[in-house]
Amino acid sequence: IGEIPRTLLLAERLNLTNIPWANLGEFLGPALTITALGAIESLLCGAVGSNMTGIRLQANQELIAQGAGNMLIPFFGGVPATAAIARVSVGIKSGGQTRLVSIVHAIGLLLSMFLLAPVMARIPLTALAGVLMVTAIRMNEWQAIRFIFDKRFKTDIIAFGITMLATITLDLTKAILIGSVLAGAVFLNKIATLDVDIQEIDPEKLKAKGIQTEGKCQHVRVAFVTGPLFFAATGSFNEAFTSLGNMHAVILSMRGVPLIDTSGLEVIRRLYGRIHKQGGTLMFAGVHDNARVMMERGGLVEEFGQENFFWSSDQAIVEAEKRGCKFCEQPTLTKC
């Protein structure tokens, strides 16, 4: 291993008088990068430990403690530190249950540094490599890995393979960052799927529910929207309504929309403008609470009118028939 220092105060420790305050801005970027990577690695380590023990991770407490420790370490000559997956995994697999695991581990390392430094300096790196291999094998969740391969979850297998290769060729910190970005991209791709099913009114189905309608107007459509309506899904939303002709009323059934962002609000506003320009009405049914709050903040509820929001699409259909259809009054249209 080589020489091990036998002091807590290294010669290269931080001295406030030696800090180049005039050039402090140059260190801001690297400092933020190290902070972000440290937080990611510590939270990942905490998540692994939480899964192994079944105890909920106190994320805020973890990050505050890490930040406080890293503010003090430089004054002793140390470098920024994070939670370590290997040590946490070994501690838990060895039967550790409380905070005493970390305390005993720290005291053991401290005593080893002071009392056994000459002996530890002679330990071959190959011996440590063997210990690390055993640790790596023990810390893996082989059952979970076997599960994704047996069930052939392609995206998870690809993310797993790329992260493993990055760990080998680069280092753990960069591999965690690459894996997190890749997992985020895969997740965005999955949730970007928006399903819009536009259906005509079926009087027989309404009658079976005990809802009486004349069923004469065929210029009413119900669009069942399923999925989050955010920037990545706006293209699918617009495409679904491209072939929509002149309509007396279009009812957006949004019970399957858990969230909306500003891009989603904008495409709804454009759809409203298009239908309103043709003389029709855009109605909303079953709007989720989170989506409703966003629409209120964006001014859509006030702009479209509270009278166009309903609990269910059935209620909206009945109201659309009550309001009458101007297209049905045109002799050139024979649908109604």
Protein backbone atom coordinates (compact mmCIF):
# COMPACT_ATOMS: atom_id res chain seq x y z
CA ILE A 1 0.00 0.00 0.00
CA GLY A 2 2.79 2.39 0.87
CA GLU A 3 3.32 4.86 3.66
CA ILE A 4 0.24 5.74 5.72
CA PRO A 5 0.19 9.10 7.55
CA ARG A 6 -0.05 8.78 11.35
CA THR A 7 -1.58 12.18 12.04
CA LEU A 8 -4.98 13.84 11.70
CA LEU A 9 -3.50 17.15 10.59
CA LEU A 10 -1.81 16.83 7.22
CA ALA A 11 0.63 19.42 5.95
CA GLU A 12 -1.58 20.01 2.89
CA ARG A 13 -4.61 21.03 4.96
CA LEU A 14 -6.75 24.02 4.06
CA ASN A 15 -5.51 27.43 5.14
CA LEU A 16 -7.95 30.30 4.64
CA THR A 17 -5.10 32.77 4.13
CA ASN A 18 -3.88 30.84 1.08
CA ILE A 19 -7.21 30.86 -0.77
CA PRO A 20 -7.03 32.96 -3.98
CA TRP A 21 -10.18 34.95 -3.23
CA ALA A 22 -9.84 37.00 -6.43
CA ASN A 23 -10.12 33.84 -8.56
CA LEU A 24 -12.79 32.15 -6.46
CA GLY A 25 -15.24 32.14 -9.37
CA GLU A 26 -13.05 29.65 -11.24
CA PHE A 27 -13.69 27.05 -8.55
CA LEU A 28 -17.47 27.45 -8.58
CA GLY A 29 -18.10 25.07 -11.50
CA PRO A 30 -15.93 22.21 -10.21
CA ALA A 31 -17.33 22.70 -6.70
CA LEU A 32 -20.92 22.38 -7.90
CA THR A 33 -20.00 19.30 -9.95
CA ILE A 34 -18.37 17.60 -6.95
CA THR A 35 -21.35 18.55 -4.78
CA ALA A 36 -23.85 17.08 -7.23
CA LEU A 37 -21.86 13.87 -7.71
CA GLY A 38 -21.38 13.50 -3.96
CA ALA A 39 -25.09 13.95 -3.32
CA ILE A 40 -26.03 11.45 -6.05
CA GLU A 41 -23.58 8.83 -4.80
CA SER A 42 -24.66 9.24 -1.16
CA LEU A 43 -28.36 9.06 -1.98
CA LEU A 44 -27.75 6.01 -4.16
CA CYS A 45 -25.83 4.41 -1.31
CA GLY A 46 -28.67 5.27 1.07
CA ALA A 47 -31.22 3.80 -1.33
CA VAL A 48 -29.23 0.56 -1.52
CA GLY A 49 -29.03 0.39 2.27
CA SER A 50 -32.72 1.18 2.59
CA ASN A 51 -33.62 -1.65 0.21
CA MET A 52 -31.43 -4.07 2.14
CA THR A 53 -32.78 -3.18 5.59
CA GLY A 54 -36.33 -2.05 4.82
CA ILE A 55 -35.74 1.18 6.78
CA ARG A 56 -36.76 4.44 5.10
CA LEU A 57 -33.89 6.71 4.08
CA GLN A 58 -33.79 10.16 5.71
CA ALA A 59 -32.46 11.93 2.61
CA ASN A 60 -32.32 15.45 4.06
CA GLN A 61 -30.51 14.26 7.16
CA GLU A 62 -28.01 12.35 5.01
CA LEU A 63 -27.20 15.34 2.79
CA ILE A 64 -26.95 17.81 5.69
CA ALA A 65 -24.56 15.50 7.55
CA GLN A 66 -22.47 14.98 4.43
CA GLY A 67 -22.30 18.71 3.77
CA ALA A 68 -21.28 19.50 7.35
CA GLY A 69 -18.58 16.84 7.28
CA ASN A 70 -17.18 17.98 3.94
CA MET A 71 -16.95 21.56 5.21
CA LEU A 72 -14.68 20.39 8.06
CA ILE A 73 -12.57 17.75 6.27
CA PRO A 74 -10.40 20.23 4.27
CA PHE A 75 -9.12 21.81 7.51
CA PHE A 76 -7.55 18.42 8.34
CA GLY A 77 -6.12 17.87 4.86
CA GLY A 78 -8.84 15.59 3.58
CA VAL A 79 -10.82 15.64 0.34
CA PRO A 80 -14.62 15.61 -0.17
CA ALA A 81 -16.10 12.29 0.94
CA THR A 82 -19.40 10.53 0.33
CA ALA A 83 -21.19 7.51 1.65
CA ALA A 84 -19.65 4.31 0.26
CA ILE A 85 -21.82 1.52 -1.09
CA ALA A 86 -19.16 -1.11 -0.38
CA ARG A 87 -18.83 -0.27 3.33
CA VAL A 88 -22.58 0.07 3.82
CA SER A 89 -23.23 -3.23 2.09
CA VAL A 90 -20.55 -5.08 4.08
CA GLY A 91 -21.84 -3.59 7.34
CA ILE A 92 -25.42 -4.65 6.68
CA LYS A 93 -24.47 -8.10 5.37
CA SER A 94 -22.35 -8.58 8.51
CA GLY A 95 -25.37 -7.98 10.75
CA GLY A 96 -25.07 -4.25 11.43
CA GLN A 97 -28.36 -2.58 12.37
CA THR A 98 -27.63 0.76 14.07
CA ARG A 99 -25.43 3.85 13.77
CA LEU A 100 -22.83 2.12 15.90
CA VAL A 101 -21.71 0.37 12.72
CA SER A 102 -20.30 3.62 11.32
CA ILE A 103 -18.85 4.68 14.68
CA VAL A 104 -17.07 1.35 15.27
CA HIS A 105 -15.83 1.36 11.68
CA ALA A 106 -14.41 4.89 12.02
CA ILE A 107 -12.75 4.11 15.36
CA GLY A 108 -11.28 0.91 13.92
CA LEU A 109 -9.77 2.78 10.97
CA LEU A 110 -8.41 5.49 13.28
CA LEU A 111 -6.72 2.99 15.60
CA SER A 112 -5.36 1.07 12.62
CA MET A 113 -3.85 4.26 11.24
CA PHE A 114 -2.13 5.15 14.52
CA LEU A 115 -1.14 1.69 15.78
CA LEU A 116 -0.80 -0.50 12.71
CA ALA A 117 0.40 1.93 10.04
CA PRO A 118 3.81 0.20 9.52
CA VAL A 119 2.13 -3.19 9.14
CA MET A 120 -0.67 -1.92 6.88
CA ALA A 121 1.88 -0.20 4.66
CA ARG A 122 3.27 -3.64 3.73
CA ILE A 123 -0.10 -5.11 2.66
CA PRO A 124 0.07 -5.96 -1.08
CA LEU A 125 -2.45 -4.22 -3.30
CA THR A 126 -3.30 -7.61 -4.80
CA ALA A 127 -4.56 -8.73 -1.39
CA LEU A 128 -6.82 -5.68 -1.18
CA ALA A 129 -8.01 -6.39 -4.72
CA GLY A 130 -9.12 -9.84 -3.57
CA VAL A 131 -11.00 -8.33 -0.64
CA LEU A 132 -12.70 -5.85 -2.98
CA MET A 133 -13.74 -8.65 -5.34
CA VAL A 134 -15.37 -10.56 -2.49
CA THR A 135 -17.04 -7.34 -1.31
CA ALA A 136 -18.32 -6.58 -4.81
CA ILE A 137 -19.79 -10.07 -5.13
CA ARG A 138 -21.51 -9.83 -1.74
CA MET A 139 -22.96 -6.36 -2.29
CA ASN A 140 -24.70 -7.18 -5.57
CA GLU A 141 -28.40 -7.99 -5.54
CA TRP A 142 -28.04 -11.09 -7.68
CA GLN A 143 -31.72 -11.96 -7.41
CA ALA A 144 -32.74 -8.59 -8.88
CA ILE A 145 -30.12 -8.89 -11.64
CA ARG A 146 -31.29 -12.40 -12.49
CA PHE A 147 -34.88 -11.15 -12.58
CA ILE A 148 -34.30 -8.47 -15.25
CA PHE A 149 -32.36 -10.92 -17.41
CA ASP A 150 -34.85 -13.76 -17.01
CA LYS A 151 -37.78 -11.48 -17.87
CA ARG A 152 -35.78 -9.84 -20.68
CA PHE A 153 -36.40 -6.21 -19.74
CA LYS A 154 -34.33 -4.81 -22.61
CA THR A 155 -34.03 -1.22 -21.43
CA ASP A 156 -32.98 -2.28 -17.93
CA ILE A 157 -30.45 -4.74 -19.34
CA ILE A 158 -28.96 -2.03 -21.58
CA ALA A 159 -28.77 0.45 -18.68
CA PHE A 160 -27.20 -2.21 -16.47
CA GLY A 161 -24.61 -3.12 -19.11
CA ILE A 162 -23.63 0.47 -19.89
CA THR A 163 -23.32 1.37 -16.20
CA MET A 164 -21.18 -1.72 -15.55
CA LEU A 165 -18.87 -0.92 -18.48
CA ALA A 166 -18.60 2.71 -17.32
CA THR A 167 -17.65 1.50 -13.83
CA ILE A 168 -14.86 -0.65 -15.28
CA THR A 169 -13.50 1.81 -17.84
CA LEU A 170 -14.04 5.08 -15.95
CA ASP A 171 -14.87 5.12 -12.23
CA LEU A 172 -17.84 4.61 -9.94
CA THR A 173 -18.79 8.30 -9.69
CA LYS A 174 -18.92 8.79 -13.47
CA ALA A 175 -20.69 5.47 -13.89
CA ILE A 176 -23.38 6.53 -11.42
CA LEU A 177 -23.85 9.80 -13.31
CA ILE A 178 -24.04 8.01 -16.68
CA GLY A 179 -26.43 5.39 -15.32
CA SER A 180 -28.67 8.03 -13.72
CA VAL A 181 -28.84 10.11 -16.91
CA LEU A 182 -29.55 7.00 -18.99
CA ALA A 183 -32.26 5.81 -16.59
CA GLY A 184 -33.82 9.28 -16.65
CA ALA A 185 -33.83 9.32 -20.46
CA VAL A 186 -35.44 5.87 -20.60
CA PHE A 187 -38.05 6.94 -18.05
CA LEU A 188 -38.89 10.10 -20.00
CA ASN A 189 -39.25 8.05 -23.17
CA LYS A 190 -41.67 5.68 -21.44
CA ILE A 191 -43.88 8.31 -19.84
CA ALA A 192 -43.91 10.42 -23.02
CA THR A 193 -46.42 7.94 -24.47
CA LEU A 194 -49.77 9.71 -24.63
CA ASP A 195 -52.87 7.87 -25.77
CA VAL A 196 -55.78 9.84 -27.22
CA ASP A 197 -58.86 7.80 -28.13
CA ILE A 198 -61.54 9.88 -29.89
CA GLN A 199 -64.97 8.24 -29.90
CA GLU A 200 -68.42 9.08 -31.18
CA ILE A 201 -71.39 9.19 -28.84
CA ASP A 202 -73.12 5.85 -28.38
CA PRO A 203 -76.73 6.46 -27.18
CA GLU A 204 -77.18 2.76 -26.37
CA LYS A 205 -74.29 2.77 -23.90
CA LEU A 206 -75.66 5.90 -22.26
CA LYS A 207 -79.11 4.35 -22.07
CA ALA A 208 -77.62 1.27 -20.37
CA LYS A 209 -76.22 3.61 -17.71
CA GLY A 210 -79.65 5.16 -17.17
CA ILE A 211 -78.80 8.36 -19.05
CA GLN A 212 -81.51 9.49 -21.47
CA THR A 213 -80.37 11.45 -24.52
CA GLU A 214 -81.95 12.15 -27.86
CA GLY A 215 -78.78 10.98 -29.60
CA LYS A 216 -79.54 13.05 -32.70
CA CYS A 217 -76.41 15.21 -32.83
CA GLN A 218 -73.38 13.52 -34.33
CA HIS A 219 -71.16 16.56 -33.98
CA VAL A 220 -70.00 15.62 -30.48
CA ARG A 221 -66.82 13.68 -29.79
CA VAL A 222 -65.29 12.40 -26.57
CA ALA A 223 -61.48 12.25 -26.48
CA PHE A 224 -60.18 9.94 -23.76
CA VAL A 225 -56.67 11.17 -22.91
CA THR A 226 -54.34 8.86 -20.98
CA GLY A 227 -50.83 9.76 -19.87
CA PRO A 228 -48.98 12.86 -18.64
CA LEU A 229 -49.47 15.85 -20.91
CA PHE A 230 -46.03 17.48 -20.90
CA PHE A 231 -43.57 18.81 -23.48
CA ALA A 232 -42.54 15.37 -24.79
CA ALA A 233 -46.15 14.33 -25.43
CA THR A 234 -47.53 17.47 -27.09
CA GLY A 235 -46.75 16.12 -30.57
CA SER A 236 -48.92 13.05 -30.00
CA PHE A 237 -51.71 15.25 -28.63
CA ASN A 238 -51.70 17.56 -31.67
CA GLU A 239 -51.53 14.66 -34.11
CA ALA A 240 -54.60 13.01 -32.58
CA PHE A 241 -56.80 16.01 -33.45
CA THR A 242 -55.47 16.80 -36.94
CA SER A 243 -58.32 15.02 -38.75
CA LEU A 244 -61.06 16.37 -36.50
CA GLY A 245 -63.70 18.17 -38.53
CA ASN A 246 -66.26 20.78 -37.48
CA MET A 247 -67.61 19.78 -34.10
CA HIS A 248 -70.37 21.16 -31.91
CA ALA A 249 -68.51 19.94 -28.83
CA VAL A 250 -65.27 18.11 -28.09
CA ILE A 251 -65.10 16.61 -24.61
CA LEU A 252 -61.63 15.96 -23.19
CA SER A 253 -61.93 13.13 -20.68
CA MET A 254 -58.77 13.73 -18.62
CA ARG A 255 -59.18 11.32 -15.73
CA GLY A 256 -56.10 9.49 -17.00
CA VAL A 257 -53.90 12.61 -17.09
CA PRO A 258 -51.96 12.80 -13.81
CA LEU A 259 -50.06 15.99 -14.62
CA ILE A 260 -49.73 18.84 -17.08
CA ASP A 261 -46.88 21.26 -17.68
CA THR A 262 -46.90 24.64 -19.43
CA SER A 263 -46.42 23.00 -22.85
CA GLY A 264 -49.51 20.90 -22.18
CA LEU A 265 -51.49 23.99 -21.25
CA GLU A 266 -50.45 25.63 -24.50
CA VAL A 267 -51.60 22.76 -26.74
CA ILE A 268 -54.96 22.68 -24.94
CA ARG A 269 -55.30 26.42 -25.46
CA ARG A 270 -54.55 26.04 -29.18
CA LEU A 271 -57.10 23.23 -29.50
CA TYR A 272 -59.67 25.40 -27.74
CA GLY A 273 -58.95 28.29 -30.11
CA ARG A 274 -59.33 26.07 -33.16
CA ILE A 275 -62.65 24.56 -32.03
CA HIS A 276 -63.99 27.92 -30.82
CA LYS A 277 -63.12 29.52 -34.17
CA GLN A 278 -65.26 26.87 -35.91
CA GLY A 279 -68.16 27.69 -33.60
CA GLY A 280 -67.75 24.69 -31.32
CA THR A 281 -67.08 24.21 -27.61
CA LEU A 282 -64.27 22.44 -25.78
CA MET A 283 -65.42 20.70 -22.59
CA PHE A 284 -63.46 18.92 -19.87
CA ALA A 285 -64.41 15.88 -17.82
CA GLY A 286 -62.77 14.14 -14.88
CA VAL A 287 -59.82 16.52 -14.61
CA HIS A 288 -57.32 15.25 -12.02
CA ASP A 289 -56.70 17.53 -9.02
CA ASN A 290 -53.05 18.16 -9.95
CA ALA A 291 -53.98 18.95 -13.55
CA ARG A 292 -56.87 21.17 -12.39
CA VAL A 293 -54.55 23.23 -10.18
CA MET A 294 -52.15 23.71 -13.09
CA MET A 295 -54.99 24.76 -15.40
CA GLU A 296 -56.24 27.24 -12.82
CA ARG A 297 -52.77 28.73 -12.38
CA GLY A 298 -52.42 28.97 -16.17
CA GLY A 299 -55.74 30.82 -16.45
CA LEU A 300 -57.43 28.13 -18.56
CA VAL A 301 -60.35 27.56 -16.18
CA GLU A 302 -61.17 31.26 -16.20
CA GLU A 303 -60.64 31.53 -19.96
CA PHE A 304 -62.74 28.48 -20.91
CA GLY A 305 -65.39 29.00 -18.25
CA GLN A 306 -66.23 26.99 -15.16
CA GLU A 307 -69.41 25.81 -16.88
CA ASN A 308 -67.32 23.70 -19.28
CA PHE A 309 -65.81 21.49 -16.55
CA PHE A 310 -67.68 18.35 -15.50
CA TRP A 311 -67.19 15.40 -13.18
CA SER A 312 -67.74 12.82 -15.94
CA SER A 313 -67.95 12.67 -19.71
CA ASP A 314 -71.58 11.50 -19.41
CA GLN A 315 -72.54 14.78 -17.74
CA ALA A 316 -70.69 16.72 -20.44
CA ILE A 317 -72.50 14.81 -23.21
CA VAL A 318 -75.91 15.61 -21.72
CA GLU A 319 -74.98 19.28 -21.38
CA ALA A 320 -73.67 19.42 -24.97
CA GLU A 321 -77.03 18.17 -26.28
CA LYS A 322 -78.93 20.68 -24.16
CA ARG A 323 -76.97 23.57 -25.64
CA GLY A 324 -78.04 22.63 -29.18
CA CYS A 325 -75.90 22.27 -32.28
CA LYS A 326 -75.74 25.00 -34.89
CA PHE A 327 -74.36 22.52 -37.44
CA CYS A 328 -77.54 20.44 -37.16
CA GLU A 329 -79.56 23.47 -38.25
CA GLN A 330 -77.64 23.75 -41.53
CA PRO A 331 -79.51 21.98 -44.36
CA THR A 332 -76.25 21.14 -46.15
CA LEU A 333 -75.29 18.79 -43.34
CA THR A 334 -77.29 15.58 -43.33
CA LYS A 335 -75.60 13.86 -40.40
CA CYS A 336 -78.02 15.22 -37.80
